[in-house]
Amino acid sequence: MLNIREIIEQSLKVKQNILQDAEFIGKIQIVADKIIETYKNSGKLLLCGNGGSAADAQHIAAELSGRFYLNRPPLNAEALHVNTSYLTAVANDFSFNEVYSRLVLAFGKRNDVLIAFSTSGNSENIINAAIQAQKVEMIVVGFTGDTGGKLKEHCSFLINVPSKDTPRIQEAHIMIGHIICELVENALFSNK
């Protein structure tokens, strides 16, 4: 029988491991700083993921394009899966492995940021988006699990949560995403 307390303890353990890793904390700050710099230079943030990670991508995009804590102007952040007509057409006419890379080609430009969510780091459509983002000289941030998978080879920065358990990884991803949103919003709007 599943034990609720054990599940919560597993989630807390992953977060404790992150909290105790100064290098990991430093990577979060560097990623936030890169996104802040991108916004200061009129750039944008694109996000992609599959399943629960697509929901995480959409969640973080909404926090930035809407609001997090502060009532302030919207930031240019978009989850690449939200146009279902596009998604189904490209998946049907080309391949599901191309749905994100084609949008990165359409919307991405030099020094924009792509956050690519993949708990395994091995989702082909996410890897293809990262490869395309590199071609247009975007900053690629991989949000993965422990190993980083194949995606790690195509990232400017890798936020690889120290776990192999998908739900625990996704819980940490949304925590880290919220931290980045707060840092970005604070840096850009707290003095206005």
Protein backbone atom coordinates (compact mmCIF):
# COMPACT_ATOMS: atom_id res chain seq x y z
CA MET A 1 0.00 0.00 0.00
CA LEU A 2 1.26 3.47 -0.87
CA ASN A 3 2.21 5.66 2.03
CA ILE A 4 1.40 9.34 1.55
CA ARG A 5 4.06 10.48 4.01
CA GLU A 6 6.74 8.48 2.16
CA ILE A 7 5.74 10.08 -1.15
CA ILE A 8 5.98 13.56 0.37
CA GLU A 9 9.33 12.65 1.96
CA GLN A 10 10.64 11.51 -1.44
CA SER A 11 9.64 14.86 -2.93
CA LEU A 12 11.28 16.73 -0.05
CA LYS A 13 14.46 14.67 -0.41
CA VAL A 14 14.86 15.71 -4.05
CA LYS A 15 14.41 19.35 -3.07
CA GLN A 16 16.83 18.98 -0.13
CA ASN A 17 19.44 17.58 -2.52
CA ILE A 18 18.96 20.63 -4.76
CA LEU A 19 19.11 22.99 -1.78
CA GLN A 20 22.42 21.52 -0.61
CA ASP A 21 24.04 21.70 -4.07
CA ALA A 22 25.62 25.16 -4.42
CA GLU A 23 26.55 24.52 -8.06
CA PHE A 24 22.95 23.61 -8.91
CA ILE A 25 21.64 26.74 -7.15
CA GLY A 26 24.22 28.75 -9.09
CA LYS A 27 22.93 27.33 -12.40
CA ILE A 28 19.40 28.45 -11.55
CA GLN A 29 20.69 31.97 -10.90
CA ILE A 30 22.68 31.99 -14.16
CA VAL A 31 19.62 30.87 -16.14
CA ALA A 32 17.48 33.56 -14.50
CA ASP A 33 20.16 36.15 -15.32
CA LYS A 34 20.24 35.03 -18.97
CA ILE A 35 16.46 35.32 -19.22
CA ILE A 36 16.58 38.78 -17.60
CA GLU A 37 19.24 39.83 -20.11
CA THR A 38 17.13 38.45 -22.96
CA TYR A 39 14.13 40.47 -21.85
CA LYS A 40 16.23 43.62 -21.41
CA ASN A 41 17.27 43.19 -25.05
CA SER A 42 13.65 42.79 -26.26
CA GLY A 43 14.00 39.03 -26.66
CA LYS A 44 11.59 36.24 -25.88
CA LEU A 45 11.30 32.96 -24.00
CA LEU A 46 9.99 29.86 -25.78
CA LEU A 47 9.15 26.69 -23.86
CA CYS A 48 8.37 23.13 -24.89
CA GLY A 49 7.63 19.77 -23.34
CA ASN A 50 5.42 16.70 -23.66
CA GLY A 51 2.60 15.59 -21.38
CA GLY A 52 3.09 16.91 -17.84
CA SER A 53 6.16 18.77 -19.06
CA ALA A 54 3.99 20.55 -21.66
CA ALA A 55 1.76 21.63 -18.78
CA ASP A 56 4.86 22.89 -16.95
CA ALA A 57 5.98 24.80 -20.04
CA GLN A 58 2.55 26.40 -20.36
CA HIS A 59 2.44 27.17 -16.63
CA ILE A 60 5.77 29.02 -16.65
CA ALA A 61 4.87 30.88 -19.86
CA ALA A 62 1.63 32.03 -18.21
CA GLU A 63 3.44 33.24 -15.09
CA LEU A 64 5.70 35.44 -17.23
CA SER A 65 3.24 36.62 -19.88
CA GLY A 66 0.55 37.22 -17.27
CA ARG A 67 1.89 37.99 -13.82
CA PHE A 68 3.66 36.22 -10.98
CA TYR A 69 3.57 38.46 -7.91
CA LEU A 70 3.54 41.91 -9.45
CA ASN A 71 1.01 43.74 -11.59
CA ARG A 72 3.33 44.70 -14.44
CA PRO A 73 3.59 44.65 -18.24
CA PRO A 74 3.53 41.19 -19.84
CA LEU A 75 6.74 39.43 -20.80
CA ASN A 76 7.10 37.64 -24.14
CA ALA A 77 6.89 33.96 -23.15
CA GLU A 78 5.15 31.23 -25.13
CA ALA A 79 4.66 27.50 -24.74
CA LEU A 80 5.04 26.06 -28.23
CA HIS A 81 2.27 23.45 -28.00
CA VAL A 82 -0.74 25.72 -27.42
CA ASN A 83 -1.87 25.90 -31.07
CA THR A 84 -3.54 22.50 -31.47
CA SER A 85 -4.35 23.03 -35.16
CA TYR A 86 -0.67 23.62 -35.88
CA LEU A 87 0.42 20.74 -33.63
CA THR A 88 -1.89 18.18 -35.23
CA ALA A 89 -1.22 19.38 -38.78
CA VAL A 90 2.56 19.20 -38.45
CA ALA A 91 2.40 15.87 -36.60
CA ASN A 92 0.21 14.51 -39.43
CA ASP A 93 1.94 16.12 -42.42
CA PHE A 94 5.55 15.85 -41.25
CA SER A 95 6.24 14.14 -37.92
CA PHE A 96 5.56 14.70 -34.24
CA ASN A 97 9.35 14.88 -33.92
CA GLU A 98 9.25 18.18 -35.87
CA VAL A 99 6.42 20.01 -34.10
CA TYR A 100 8.68 22.11 -31.87
CA SER A 101 11.72 22.52 -34.12
CA ARG A 102 9.58 24.11 -36.85
CA LEU A 103 8.19 26.66 -34.39
CA VAL A 104 11.67 27.41 -33.06
CA LEU A 105 12.69 28.09 -36.67
CA ALA A 106 9.64 30.35 -37.13
CA PHE A 107 9.87 32.33 -33.87
CA GLY A 108 13.36 31.95 -32.42
CA LYS A 109 16.15 34.42 -32.93
CA ARG A 110 19.68 34.91 -31.68
CA ASN A 111 19.87 35.31 -27.89
CA ASP A 112 16.25 34.33 -27.29
CA VAL A 113 15.87 31.54 -24.73
CA LEU A 114 14.37 28.08 -25.21
CA ILE A 115 13.47 26.11 -22.10
CA ALA A 116 13.17 22.47 -23.14
CA PHE A 117 11.46 20.20 -20.59
CA SER A 118 12.13 16.44 -20.82
CA THR A 119 12.32 14.35 -17.66
CA SER A 120 14.30 11.65 -19.49
CA GLY A 121 16.20 14.06 -21.70
CA ASN A 122 15.53 11.69 -24.58
CA SER A 123 12.34 13.01 -26.19
CA GLU A 124 13.19 13.33 -29.86
CA ASN A 125 10.93 16.31 -30.55
CA ILE A 126 12.49 18.20 -27.62
CA ILE A 127 16.03 17.33 -28.74
CA ASN A 128 15.17 18.50 -32.28
CA ALA A 129 13.87 21.80 -30.88
CA ALA A 130 17.13 22.28 -28.96
CA ILE A 131 19.20 21.51 -32.07
CA GLN A 132 17.19 24.03 -34.10
CA ALA A 133 17.53 26.61 -31.32
CA GLN A 134 21.30 26.16 -31.38
CA LYS A 135 21.29 26.73 -35.15
CA VAL A 136 19.61 30.13 -34.71
CA GLU A 137 21.94 30.90 -31.77
CA MET A 138 19.35 30.79 -29.02
CA ILE A 139 20.24 30.02 -25.42
CA VAL A 140 18.99 26.49 -24.70
CA VAL A 141 18.08 25.52 -21.14
CA GLY A 142 17.32 21.83 -20.59
CA PHE A 143 15.09 20.88 -17.66
CA THR A 144 15.66 17.14 -17.22
CA GLY A 145 16.14 14.39 -14.68
CA ASP A 146 19.39 13.14 -13.24
CA THR A 147 21.36 12.13 -16.33
CA GLY A 148 20.21 14.83 -18.76
CA GLY A 149 19.81 12.16 -21.44
CA LYS A 150 20.71 13.03 -25.02
CA LEU A 151 19.35 16.55 -24.54
CA LYS A 152 22.35 17.55 -22.42
CA GLU A 153 24.52 17.61 -25.56
CA HIS A 154 22.38 20.39 -27.01
CA CYS A 155 22.02 22.70 -24.00
CA SER A 156 23.72 25.93 -23.04
CA PHE A 157 22.63 25.18 -19.46
CA LEU A 158 21.33 21.93 -17.98
CA ILE A 159 18.99 21.92 -14.98
CA ASN A 160 19.13 18.19 -14.30
CA VAL A 161 17.09 17.40 -11.19
CA PRO A 162 18.82 14.71 -9.09
CA SER A 163 16.17 12.02 -9.51
CA LYS A 164 15.08 9.29 -11.90
CA ASP A 165 11.44 9.44 -10.73
CA THR A 166 9.27 11.38 -13.22
CA PRO A 167 6.75 12.85 -10.73
CA ARG A 168 9.54 13.98 -8.37
CA ILE A 169 11.45 15.51 -11.31
CA GLN A 170 8.37 17.40 -12.49
CA GLU A 171 7.66 18.67 -8.97
CA ALA A 172 11.18 20.07 -8.84
CA HIS A 173 10.87 21.52 -12.35
CA ILE A 174 7.86 23.60 -11.39
CA MET A 175 9.58 24.76 -8.19
CA ILE A 176 12.65 25.85 -10.19
CA GLY A 177 10.43 27.46 -12.82
CA HIS A 178 8.67 29.46 -10.11
CA ILE A 179 12.02 30.54 -8.66
CA ILE A 180 13.13 31.76 -12.09
CA CYS A 181 9.83 33.63 -12.59
CA GLU A 182 10.25 35.38 -9.24
CA LEU A 183 13.87 36.32 -9.94
CA VAL A 184 13.03 37.61 -13.43
CA GLU A 185 10.00 39.59 -12.31
CA ASN A 186 11.86 41.07 -9.34
CA ALA A 187 14.84 42.10 -11.45
CA LEU A 188 12.77 43.72 -14.19
CA PHE A 189 9.91 45.30 -12.26
CA SER A 190 10.49 45.57 -8.49
CA ASN A 191 11.74 49.17 -8.68
CA LYS A 192 9.01 50.46 -10.98
